Amino acid sequence: MNIVQNLMVLWRITLVSSRSRGNALNHEAILAVLPDTEDEAKSTREIAQAMGLEISSYIDWVRAERRLIRALRALVKWGWVAYDKRQNEVGHKFWYNIYWKTEVAK
């Protein structure tokens, strides 16, 4: 088995085990909304909105963000997604991550 096949097996195992816990997001759906380049990279909120996640209230957003970040961390670990830290330039100077697909995921 090559590296890509090993990653796919790991991905399926993790996806099945996460679904059994009832809190997983579909990795394919996340990859579908992520841009291909760093210049077009999206924040967690932009990814959630593109996926149509329910974020109408603060508690819904916190739950959706936690699930999304858990899935994004797995995708970063497997090399499918890259990220960078950015600082907000307007208003409060908080830090946030932006995400985009790597060559492996394209």
PDB file of N, CA and C in Angstrom:
ATOM      1  N   MET A   1       0.843  -1.192   0.000  1.00  0.00           N
ATOM      2  CA  MET A   1       0.000   0.000   0.000  1.00  0.00           C
ATOM      3  C   MET A   1       0.883   1.249   0.000  1.00  0.00           C
ATOM      4  N   ASN A   2       0.486   2.218  -0.768  1.00  0.00           N
ATOM      5  CA  ASN A   2       1.249   3.458  -0.758  1.00  0.00           C
ATOM      6  C   ASN A   2       0.705   4.405   0.312  1.00  0.00           C
ATOM      7  N   ILE A   3       1.302   5.545   0.438  1.00  0.00           N
ATOM      8  CA  ILE A   3       0.945   6.495   1.501  1.00  0.00           C
ATOM      9  C   ILE A   3      -0.492   6.971   1.363  1.00  0.00           C
ATOM     10  N   VAL A   4      -0.923   7.265   0.143  1.00  0.00           N
ATOM     11  CA  VAL A   4      -2.294   7.759  -0.059  1.00  0.00           C
ATOM     12  C   VAL A   4      -3.312   6.701   0.343  1.00  0.00           C
ATOM     13  N   GLN A   5      -3.055   5.433  -0.011  1.00  0.00           N
ATOM     14  CA  GLN A   5      -3.968   4.365   0.376  1.00  0.00           C
ATOM     15  C   GLN A   5      -4.011   4.211   1.893  1.00  0.00           C
ATOM     16  N   ASN A   6      -2.853   4.313   2.555  1.00  0.00           N
ATOM     17  CA  ASN A   6      -2.820   4.247   4.021  1.00  0.00           C
ATOM     18  C   ASN A   6      -3.620   5.375   4.642  1.00  0.00           C
ATOM     19  N   LEU A   7      -3.483   6.580   4.081  1.00  0.00           N
ATOM     20  CA  LEU A   7      -4.242   7.715   4.596  1.00  0.00           C
ATOM     21  C   LEU A   7      -5.736   7.511   4.426  1.00  0.00           C
ATOM     22  N   MET A   8      -6.140   6.964   3.284  1.00  0.00           N
ATOM     23  CA  MET A   8      -7.563   6.727   3.050  1.00  0.00           C
ATOM     24  C   MET A   8      -8.120   5.710   4.048  1.00  0.00           C
ATOM     25  N   VAL A   9      -7.351   4.652   4.340  1.00  0.00           N
ATOM     26  CA  VAL A   9      -7.783   3.657   5.319  1.00  0.00           C
ATOM     27  C   VAL A   9      -7.920   4.308   6.691  1.00  0.00           C
ATOM     28  N   LEU A  10      -6.918   5.094   7.103  1.00  0.00           N
ATOM     29  CA  LEU A  10      -6.991   5.792   8.390  1.00  0.00           C
ATOM     30  C   LEU A  10      -8.185   6.729   8.435  1.00  0.00           C
ATOM     31  N   TRP A  11      -8.408   7.441   7.336  1.00  0.00           N
ATOM     32  CA  TRP A  11      -9.515   8.382   7.261  1.00  0.00           C
ATOM     33  C   TRP A  11     -10.844   7.661   7.437  1.00  0.00           C
ATOM     34  N   ARG A  12     -11.023   6.525   6.759  1.00  0.00           N
ATOM     35  CA  ARG A  12     -12.283   5.783   6.871  1.00  0.00           C
ATOM     36  C   ARG A  12     -12.483   5.229   8.273  1.00  0.00           C
ATOM     37  N   ILE A  13     -11.412   4.718   8.880  1.00  0.00           N
ATOM     38  CA  ILE A  13     -11.511   4.195  10.247  1.00  0.00           C
ATOM     39  C   ILE A  13     -11.905   5.312  11.204  1.00  0.00           C
ATOM     40  N   THR A  14     -11.253   6.449  11.101  1.00  0.00           N
ATOM     41  CA  THR A  14     -11.559   7.577  11.983  1.00  0.00           C
ATOM     42  C   THR A  14     -12.968   8.090  11.741  1.00  0.00           C
ATOM     43  N   LEU A  15     -13.371   8.156  10.480  1.00  0.00           N
ATOM     44  CA  LEU A  15     -14.702   8.646  10.152  1.00  0.00           C
ATOM     45  C   LEU A  15     -15.765   7.730  10.732  1.00  0.00           C
ATOM     46  N   VAL A  16     -15.575   6.411  10.615  1.00  0.00           N
ATOM     47  CA  VAL A  16     -16.546   5.454  11.159  1.00  0.00           C
ATOM     48  C   VAL A  16     -16.590   5.555  12.676  1.00  0.00           C
ATOM     49  N   SER A  17     -15.419   5.629  13.326  1.00  0.00           N
ATOM     50  CA  SER A  17     -15.404   5.713  14.787  1.00  0.00           C
ATOM     51  C   SER A  17     -15.986   7.039  15.262  1.00  0.00           C
ATOM     52  N   SER A  18     -15.762   8.121  14.512  1.00  0.00           N
ATOM     53  CA  SER A  18     -16.325   9.410  14.890  1.00  0.00           C
ATOM     54  C   SER A  18     -17.834   9.424  14.720  1.00  0.00           C
ATOM     55  N   ARG A  19     -18.319   8.796  13.659  1.00  0.00           N
ATOM     56  CA  ARG A  19     -19.771   8.737  13.450  1.00  0.00           C
ATOM     57  C   ARG A  19     -20.449   7.964  14.562  1.00  0.00           C
ATOM     58  N   SER A  20     -19.764   6.945  15.072  1.00  0.00           N
ATOM     59  CA  SER A  20     -20.367   6.181  16.159  1.00  0.00           C
ATOM     60  C   SER A  20     -20.495   7.024  17.421  1.00  0.00           C
ATOM     61  N   ARG A  21     -19.656   8.045  17.560  1.00  0.00           N
ATOM     62  CA  ARG A  21     -19.781   8.964  18.694  1.00  0.00           C
ATOM     63  C   ARG A  21     -20.834  10.024  18.423  1.00  0.00           C
ATOM     64  N   GLY A  22     -21.270  10.167  17.164  1.00  0.00           N
ATOM     65  CA  GLY A  22     -22.356  11.068  16.827  1.00  0.00           C
ATOM     66  C   GLY A  22     -21.977  12.536  16.714  1.00  0.00           C
ATOM     67  N   ASN A  23     -20.699  12.850  16.595  1.00  0.00           N
ATOM     68  CA  ASN A  23     -20.332  14.265  16.548  1.00  0.00           C
ATOM     69  C   ASN A  23     -19.351  14.586  15.426  1.00  0.00           C
ATOM     70  N   ALA A  24     -19.269  13.744  14.423  1.00  0.00           N
ATOM     71  CA  ALA A  24     -18.294  13.956  13.352  1.00  0.00           C
ATOM     72  C   ALA A  24     -18.891  14.788  12.229  1.00  0.00           C
ATOM     73  N   LEU A  25     -18.025  15.453  11.525  1.00  0.00           N
ATOM     74  CA  LEU A  25     -18.396  16.121  10.289  1.00  0.00           C
ATOM     75  C   LEU A  25     -17.805  15.315   9.150  1.00  0.00           C
ATOM     76  N   ASN A  26     -18.429  15.369   8.007  1.00  0.00           N
ATOM     77  CA  ASN A  26     -17.966  14.645   6.846  1.00  0.00           C
ATOM     78  C   ASN A  26     -16.712  15.321   6.291  1.00  0.00           C
ATOM     79  N   HIS A  27     -15.617  14.597   6.264  1.00  0.00           N
ATOM     80  CA  HIS A  27     -14.353  15.151   5.784  1.00  0.00           C
ATOM     81  C   HIS A  27     -14.445  15.561   4.316  1.00  0.00           C
ATOM     82  N   GLU A  28     -15.188  14.796   3.536  1.00  0.00           N
ATOM     83  CA  GLU A  28     -15.358  15.132   2.117  1.00  0.00           C
ATOM     84  C   GLU A  28     -16.093  16.453   1.948  1.00  0.00           C
ATOM     85  N   ALA A  29     -17.069  16.709   2.800  1.00  0.00           N
ATOM     86  CA  ALA A  29     -17.814  17.973   2.729  1.00  0.00           C
ATOM     87  C   ALA A  29     -16.911  19.154   3.074  1.00  0.00           C
ATOM     88  N   ILE A  30     -16.024  18.953   4.024  1.00  0.00           N
ATOM     89  CA  ILE A  30     -15.079  20.017   4.392  1.00  0.00           C
ATOM     90  C   ILE A  30     -14.131  20.289   3.232  1.00  0.00           C
ATOM     91  N   LEU A  31     -13.582  19.233   2.647  1.00  0.00           N
ATOM     92  CA  LEU A  31     -12.660  19.412   1.519  1.00  0.00           C
ATOM     93  C   LEU A  31     -13.347  20.055   0.321  1.00  0.00           C
ATOM     94  N   ALA A  32     -14.642  19.811   0.167  1.00  0.00           N
ATOM     95  CA  ALA A  32     -15.381  20.370  -0.973  1.00  0.00           C
ATOM     96  C   ALA A  32     -15.482  21.894  -0.892  1.00  0.00           C
ATOM     97  N   VAL A  33     -15.520  22.459   0.310  1.00  0.00           N
ATOM     98  CA  VAL A  33     -15.667  23.913   0.442  1.00  0.00           C
ATOM     99  C   VAL A  33     -14.339  24.641   0.631  1.00  0.00           C
ATOM    100  N   LEU A  34     -13.260  23.901   0.854  1.00  0.00           N
ATOM    101  CA  LEU A  34     -11.953  24.544   1.047  1.00  0.00           C
ATOM    102  C   LEU A  34     -11.361  24.983  -0.285  1.00  0.00           C
ATOM    103  N   PRO A  35     -10.730  26.150  -0.307  1.00  0.00           N
ATOM    104  CA  PRO A  35     -10.067  26.617  -1.537  1.00  0.00           C
ATOM    105  C   PRO A  35      -8.759  25.868  -1.775  1.00  0.00           C
ATOM    106  N   ASP A  36      -8.244  25.992  -2.995  1.00  0.00           N
ATOM    107  CA  ASP A  36      -7.020  25.297  -3.373  1.00  0.00           C
ATOM    108  C   ASP A  36      -5.744  26.057  -3.038  1.00  0.00           C
ATOM    109  N   THR A  37      -5.848  27.353  -2.776  1.00  0.00           N
ATOM    110  CA  THR A  37      -4.640  28.147  -2.543  1.00  0.00           C
ATOM    111  C   THR A  37      -4.711  28.905  -1.229  1.00  0.00           C
ATOM    112  N   GLU A  38      -3.548  29.275  -0.739  1.00  0.00           N
ATOM    113  CA  GLU A  38      -3.469  30.036   0.512  1.00  0.00           C
ATOM    114  C   GLU A  38      -4.084  31.426   0.350  1.00  0.00           C
ATOM    115  N   ASP A  39      -3.996  31.997  -0.842  1.00  0.00           N
ATOM    116  CA  ASP A  39      -4.555  33.331  -1.078  1.00  0.00           C
ATOM    117  C   ASP A  39      -6.070  33.372  -0.894  1.00  0.00           C
ATOM    118  N   GLU A  40      -6.736  32.240  -1.147  1.00  0.00           N
ATOM    119  CA  GLU A  40      -8.190  32.160  -1.021  1.00  0.00           C
ATOM    120  C   GLU A  40      -8.622  31.442   0.255  1.00  0.00           C
ATOM    121  N   ALA A  41      -7.698  31.178   1.174  1.00  0.00           N
ATOM    122  CA  ALA A  41      -7.968  30.390   2.374  1.00  0.00           C
ATOM    123  C   ALA A  41      -9.136  30.952   3.176  1.00  0.00           C
ATOM    124  N   LYS A  42      -9.829  30.051   3.893  1.00  0.00           N
ATOM    125  CA  LYS A  42     -11.022  30.432   4.650  1.00  0.00           C
ATOM    126  C   LYS A  42     -10.810  30.214   6.142  1.00  0.00           C
ATOM    127  N   SER A  43     -11.483  31.044   6.926  1.00  0.00           N
ATOM    128  CA  SER A  43     -11.479  30.884   8.379  1.00  0.00           C
ATOM    129  C   SER A  43     -12.502  29.809   8.757  1.00  0.00           C
ATOM    130  N   THR A  44     -12.491  29.424  10.011  1.00  0.00           N
ATOM    131  CA  THR A  44     -13.429  28.420  10.501  1.00  0.00           C
ATOM    132  C   THR A  44     -14.870  28.875  10.285  1.00  0.00           C
ATOM    133  N   ARG A  45     -15.159  30.120  10.559  1.00  0.00           N
ATOM    134  CA  ARG A  45     -16.522  30.645  10.374  1.00  0.00           C
ATOM    135  C   ARG A  45     -16.932  30.600   8.901  1.00  0.00           C
ATOM    136  N   GLU A  46     -16.034  30.960   8.011  1.00  0.00           N
ATOM    137  CA  GLU A  46     -16.344  30.932   6.579  1.00  0.00           C
ATOM    138  C   GLU A  46     -16.577  29.502   6.091  1.00  0.00           C
ATOM    139  N   ILE A  47     -15.810  28.551   6.613  1.00  0.00           N
ATOM    140  CA  ILE A  47     -15.999  27.148   6.250  1.00  0.00           C
ATOM    141  C   ILE A  47     -17.360  26.669   6.741  1.00  0.00           C
ATOM    142  N   ALA A  48     -17.697  26.996   7.975  1.00  0.00           N
ATOM    143  CA  ALA A  48     -18.995  26.588   8.540  1.00  0.00           C
ATOM    144  C   ALA A  48     -20.154  27.169   7.732  1.00  0.00           C
ATOM    145  N   GLN A  49     -20.053  28.425   7.351  1.00  0.00           N
ATOM    146  CA  GLN A  49     -21.109  29.049   6.558  1.00  0.00           C
ATOM    147  C   GLN A  49     -21.217  28.406   5.183  1.00  0.00           C
ATOM    148  N   ALA A  50     -20.080  28.104   4.558  1.00  0.00           N
ATOM    149  CA  ALA A  50     -20.100  27.462   3.237  1.00  0.00           C
ATOM    150  C   ALA A  50     -20.700  26.060   3.300  1.00  0.00           C
ATOM    151  N   MET A  51     -20.536  25.385   4.447  1.00  0.00           N
ATOM    152  CA  MET A  51     -21.098  24.049   4.614  1.00  0.00           C
ATOM    153  C   MET A  51     -22.560  24.087   5.034  1.00  0.00           C
ATOM    154  N   GLY A  52     -23.045  25.268   5.400  1.00  0.00           N
ATOM    155  CA  GLY A  52     -24.435  25.392   5.827  1.00  0.00           C
ATOM    156  C   GLY A  52     -24.690  24.891   7.232  1.00  0.00           C
ATOM    157  N   LEU A  53     -23.669  24.930   8.095  1.00  0.00           N
ATOM    158  CA  LEU A  53     -23.854  24.484   9.482  1.00  0.00           C
ATOM    159  C   LEU A  53     -24.738  25.466  10.234  1.00  0.00           C
ATOM    160  N   GLU A  54     -25.492  24.951  11.169  1.00  0.00           N
ATOM    161  CA  GLU A  54     -26.407  25.772  11.970  1.00  0.00           C
ATOM    162  C   GLU A  54     -25.603  26.588  12.973  1.00  0.00           C
ATOM    163  N   ILE A  55     -25.576  27.910  12.781  1.00  0.00           N
ATOM    164  CA  ILE A  55     -24.825  28.782  13.678  1.00  0.00           C
ATOM    165  C   ILE A  55     -25.664  29.996  14.069  1.00  0.00           C
ATOM    166  N   SER A  56     -26.966  29.776  14.234  1.00  0.00           N
ATOM    167  CA  SER A  56     -27.859  30.898  14.520  1.00  0.00           C
ATOM    168  C   SER A  56     -27.684  31.441  15.938  1.00  0.00           C
ATOM    169  N   SER A  57     -27.335  30.598  16.883  1.00  0.00           N
ATOM    170  CA  SER A  57     -27.119  31.075  18.248  1.00  0.00           C
ATOM    171  C   SER A  57     -25.666  30.817  18.645  1.00  0.00           C
ATOM    172  N   TYR A  58     -25.250  31.449  19.715  1.00  0.00           N
ATOM    173  CA  TYR A  58     -23.868  31.313  20.163  1.00  0.00           C
ATOM    174  C   TYR A  58     -23.536  29.863  20.507  1.00  0.00           C
ATOM    175  N   ILE A  59     -24.424  29.180  21.203  1.00  0.00           N
ATOM    176  CA  ILE A  59     -24.154  27.800  21.609  1.00  0.00           C
ATOM    177  C   ILE A  59     -24.084  26.885  20.389  1.00  0.00           C
ATOM    178  N   ASP A  60     -24.934  27.145  19.366  1.00  0.00           N
ATOM    179  CA  ASP A  60     -24.851  26.367  18.124  1.00  0.00           C
ATOM    180  C   ASP A  60     -23.505  26.584  17.453  1.00  0.00           C
ATOM    181  N   TRP A  61     -23.041  27.826  17.457  1.00  0.00           N
ATOM    182  CA  TRP A  61     -21.745  28.129  16.839  1.00  0.00           C
ATOM    183  C   TRP A  61     -20.625  27.432  17.574  1.00  0.00           C
ATOM    184  N   VAL A  62     -20.636  27.445  18.899  1.00  0.00           N
ATOM    185  CA  VAL A  62     -19.576  26.802  19.679  1.00  0.00           C
ATOM    186  C   VAL A  62     -19.539  25.303  19.373  1.00  0.00           C
ATOM    187  N   ARG A  63     -20.704  24.661  19.344  1.00  0.00           N
ATOM    188  CA  ARG A  63     -20.760  23.226  19.038  1.00  0.00           C
ATOM    189  C   ARG A  63     -20.265  22.940  17.627  1.00  0.00           C
ATOM    190  N   ALA A  64     -20.722  23.715  16.658  1.00  0.00           N
ATOM    191  CA  ALA A  64     -20.309  23.511  15.268  1.00  0.00           C
ATOM    192  C   ALA A  64     -18.816  23.755  15.112  1.00  0.00           C
ATOM    193  N   GLU A  65     -18.311  24.800  15.752  1.00  0.00           N
ATOM    194  CA  GLU A  65     -16.884  25.119  15.644  1.00  0.00           C
ATOM    195  C   GLU A  65     -16.030  24.008  16.237  1.00  0.00           C
ATOM    196  N   ARG A  66     -16.425  23.465  17.371  1.00  0.00           N
ATOM    197  CA  ARG A  66     -15.650  22.388  17.991  1.00  0.00           C
ATOM    198  C   ARG A  66     -15.591  21.161  17.088  1.00  0.00           C
ATOM    199  N   ARG A  67     -16.733  20.790  16.507  1.00  0.00           N
ATOM    200  CA  ARG A  67     -16.752  19.638  15.602  1.00  0.00           C
ATOM    201  C   ARG A  67     -15.915  19.908  14.362  1.00  0.00           C
ATOM    202  N   LEU A  68     -16.041  21.122  13.822  1.00  0.00           N
ATOM    203  CA  LEU A  68     -15.306  21.488  12.622  1.00  0.00           C
ATOM    204  C   LEU A  68     -13.801  21.507  12.879  1.00  0.00           C
ATOM    205  N   ILE A  69     -13.389  22.089  13.976  1.00  0.00           N
ATOM    206  CA  ILE A  69     -11.957  22.145  14.312  1.00  0.00           C
ATOM    207  C   ILE A  69     -11.401  20.740  14.531  1.00  0.00           C
ATOM    208  N   ARG A  70     -12.169  19.862  15.167  1.00  0.00           N
ATOM    209  CA  ARG A  70     -11.723  18.481  15.373  1.00  0.00           C
ATOM    210  C   ARG A  70     -11.468  17.808  14.017  1.00  0.00           C
ATOM    211  N   ALA A  71     -12.373  17.994  13.082  1.00  0.00           N
ATOM    212  CA  ALA A  71     -12.218  17.397  11.752  1.00  0.00           C
ATOM    213  C   ALA A  71     -11.057  18.041  10.995  1.00  0.00           C
ATOM    214  N   LEU A  72     -10.918  19.362  11.093  1.00  0.00           N
ATOM    215  CA  LEU A  72      -9.814  20.055  10.413  1.00  0.00           C
ATOM    216  C   LEU A  72      -8.464  19.616  10.960  1.00  0.00           C
ATOM    217  N   ARG A  73      -8.367  19.405  12.267  1.00  0.00           N
ATOM    218  CA  ARG A  73      -7.100  18.936  12.856  1.00  0.00           C
ATOM    219  C   ARG A  73      -6.711  17.577  12.290  1.00  0.00           C
ATOM    220  N   ALA A  74      -7.704  16.701  12.128  1.00  0.00           N
ATOM    221  CA  ALA A  74      -7.420  15.382  11.548  1.00  0.00           C
ATOM    222  C   ALA A  74      -6.936  15.530  10.110  1.00  0.00           C
ATOM    223  N   LEU A  75      -7.592  16.390   9.341  1.00  0.00           N
ATOM    224  CA  LEU A  75      -7.186  16.602   7.950  1.00  0.00           C
ATOM    225  C   LEU A  75      -5.786  17.216   7.855  1.00  0.00           C
ATOM    226  N   VAL A  76      -5.450  18.113   8.783  1.00  0.00           N
ATOM    227  CA  VAL A  76      -4.097  18.685   8.826  1.00  0.00           C
ATOM    228  C   VAL A  76      -3.087  17.590   9.171  1.00  0.00           C
ATOM    229  N   LYS A  77      -3.420  16.770  10.134  1.00  0.00           N
ATOM    230  CA  LYS A  77      -2.530  15.691  10.568  1.00  0.00           C
ATOM    231  C   LYS A  77      -2.240  14.723   9.428  1.00  0.00           C
ATOM    232  N   TRP A  78      -3.234  14.444   8.604  1.00  0.00           N
ATOM    233  CA  TRP A  78      -3.075  13.520   7.483  1.00  0.00           C
ATOM    234  C   TRP A  78      -2.454  14.188   6.262  1.00  0.00           C
ATOM    235  N   GLY A  79      -2.267  15.504   6.290  1.00  0.00           N
ATOM    236  CA  GLY A  79      -1.638  16.198   5.188  1.00  0.00           C
ATOM    237  C   GLY A  79      -2.574  16.651   4.082  1.00  0.00           C
ATOM    238  N   TRP A  80      -3.880  16.570   4.303  1.00  0.00           N
ATOM    239  CA  TRP A  80      -4.865  16.958   3.280  1.00  0.00           C
ATOM    240  C   TRP A  80      -5.137  18.453   3.297  1.00  0.00           C
ATOM    241  N   VAL A  81      -4.898  19.087   4.445  1.00  0.00           N
ATOM    242  CA  VAL A  81      -5.207  20.505   4.633  1.00  0.00           C
ATOM    243  C   VAL A  81      -4.002  21.184   5.278  1.00  0.00           C
ATOM    244  N   ALA A  82      -3.760  22.426   4.864  1.00  0.00           N
ATOM    245  CA  ALA A  82      -2.719  23.250   5.490  1.00  0.00           C
ATOM    246  C   ALA A  82      -3.396  24.423   6.188  1.00  0.00           C
ATOM    247  N   TYR A  83      -2.695  25.025   7.138  1.00  0.00           N
ATOM    248  CA  TYR A  83      -3.271  26.176   7.842  1.00  0.00           C
ATOM    249  C   TYR A  83      -2.186  27.169   8.203  1.00  0.00           C
ATOM    250  N   ASP A  84      -2.637  28.370   8.518  1.00  0.00           N
ATOM    251  CA  ASP A  84      -1.739  29.431   8.938  1.00  0.00           C
ATOM    252  C   ASP A  84      -2.487  30.295   9.940  1.00  0.00           C
ATOM    253  N   LYS A  85      -1.764  30.906  10.848  1.00  0.00           N
ATOM    254  CA  LYS A  85      -2.374  31.828  11.817  1.00  0.00           C
ATOM    255  C   LYS A  85      -2.341  33.239  11.254  1.00  0.00           C
ATOM    256  N   ARG A  86      -3.441  33.952  11.420  1.00  0.00           N
ATOM    257  CA  ARG A  86      -3.544  35.345  10.989  1.00  0.00           C
ATOM    258  C   ARG A  86      -4.082  36.181  12.137  1.00  0.00           C
ATOM    259  N   GLN A  87      -3.755  37.464  12.107  1.00  0.00           N
ATOM    260  CA  GLN A  87      -4.286  38.375  13.115  1.00  0.00           C
ATOM    261  C   GLN A  87      -5.251  39.331  12.437  1.00  0.00           C
ATOM    262  N   ASN A  88      -6.406  39.512  13.071  1.00  0.00           N
ATOM    263  CA  ASN A  88      -7.419  40.413  12.540  1.00  0.00           C
ATOM    264  C   ASN A  88      -6.862  41.837  12.500  1.00  0.00           C
ATOM    265  N   GLU A  89      -7.046  42.503  11.391  1.00  0.00           N
ATOM    266  CA  GLU A  89      -6.522  43.859  11.215  1.00  0.00           C
ATOM    267  C   GLU A  89      -7.545  44.938  11.577  1.00  0.00           C
ATOM    268  N   VAL A  90      -8.813  44.590  11.558  1.00  0.00           N
ATOM    269  CA  VAL A  90      -9.877  45.558  11.831  1.00  0.00           C
ATOM    270  C   VAL A  90     -10.516  45.224  13.172  1.00  0.00           C
ATOM    271  N   GLY A  91     -10.697  46.218  14.017  1.00  0.00           N
ATOM    272  CA  GLY A  91     -11.322  45.976  15.324  1.00  0.00           C
ATOM    273  C   GLY A  91     -10.350  45.310  16.283  1.00  0.00           C
ATOM    274  N   HIS A  92     -10.860  44.305  17.018  1.00  0.00           N
ATOM    275  CA  HIS A  92     -10.021  43.580  17.970  1.00  0.00           C
ATOM    276  C   HIS A  92      -8.941  42.804  17.234  1.00  0.00           C
ATOM    277  N   LYS A  93      -7.766  42.772  17.790  1.00  0.00           N
ATOM    278  CA  LYS A  93      -6.612  42.126  17.164  1.00  0.00           C
ATOM    279  C   LYS A  93      -6.507  40.649  17.566  1.00  0.00           C
ATOM    280  N   PHE A  94      -7.588  39.887  17.410  1.00  0.00           N
ATOM    281  CA  PHE A  94      -7.556  38.482  17.782  1.00  0.00           C
ATOM    282  C   PHE A  94      -6.892  37.655  16.677  1.00  0.00           C
ATOM    283  N   TRP A  95      -6.394  36.473  17.057  1.00  0.00           N
ATOM    284  CA  TRP A  95      -5.751  35.558  16.129  1.00  0.00           C
ATOM    285  C   TRP A  95      -6.750  34.497  15.691  1.00  0.00           C
ATOM    286  N   TYR A  96      -6.639  34.054  14.458  1.00  0.00           N
ATOM    287  CA  TYR A  96      -7.488  32.990  13.945  1.00  0.00           C
ATOM    288  C   TYR A  96      -6.707  32.188  12.907  1.00  0.00           C
ATOM    289  N   ASN A  97      -7.175  30.979  12.620  1.00  0.00           N
ATOM    290  CA  ASN A  97      -6.526  30.123  11.627  1.00  0.00           C
ATOM    291  C   ASN A  97      -7.273  30.207  10.309  1.00  0.00           C
ATOM    292  N   ILE A  98      -6.527  30.095   9.216  1.00  0.00           N
ATOM    293  CA  ILE A  98      -7.133  29.962   7.895  1.00  0.00           C
ATOM    294  C   ILE A  98      -6.694  28.627   7.323  1.00  0.00           C
ATOM    295  N   TYR A  99      -7.545  28.004   6.519  1.00  0.00           N
ATOM    296  CA  TYR A  99      -7.303  26.666   6.012  1.00  0.00           C
ATOM    297  C   TYR A  99      -7.458  26.613   4.504  1.00  0.00           C
ATOM    298  N   TRP A 100      -6.677  25.734   3.862  1.00  0.00           N
ATOM    299  CA  TRP A 100      -6.808  25.480   2.430  1.00  0.00           C
ATOM    300  C   TRP A 100      -6.309  24.068   2.155  1.00  0.00           C
ATOM    301  N   LYS A 101      -6.671  23.525   0.988  1.00  0.00           N
ATOM    302  CA  LYS A 101      -6.287  22.166   0.587  1.00  0.00           C
ATOM    303  C   LYS A 101      -4.817  22.118   0.190  1.00  0.00           C
ATOM    304  N   THR A 102      -4.199  20.977   0.452  1.00  0.00           N
ATOM    305  CA  THR A 102      -2.831  20.752  -0.008  1.00  0.00           C
ATOM    306  C   THR A 102      -2.870  20.018  -1.348  1.00  0.00           C
ATOM    307  N   GLU A 103      -1.723  19.759  -1.917  1.00  0.00           N
ATOM    308  CA  GLU A 103      -1.637  19.048  -3.200  1.00  0.00           C
ATOM    309  C   GLU A 103      -2.227  17.648  -3.110  1.00  0.00           C
ATOM    310  N   VAL A 104      -2.098  16.993  -1.944  1.00  0.00           N
ATOM    311  CA  VAL A 104      -2.622  15.645  -1.771  1.00  0.00           C
ATOM    312  C   VAL A 104      -4.136  15.596  -1.946  1.00  0.00           C
ATOM    313  N   ALA A 105      -4.831  16.622  -1.501  1.00  0.00           N
ATOM    314  CA  ALA A 105      -6.292  16.644  -1.530  1.00  0.00           C
ATOM    315  C   ALA A 105      -6.868  17.118  -2.865  1.00  0.00           C
ATOM    316  N   LYS A 106      -6.047  17.654  -3.728  1.00  0.00           N
ATOM    317  CA  LYS A 106      -6.574  18.206  -4.990  1.00  0.00           C
ATOM    318  C   LYS A 106      -6.883  17.170  -6.004  1.00  0.00           C
TER     319      LYS A 106
END
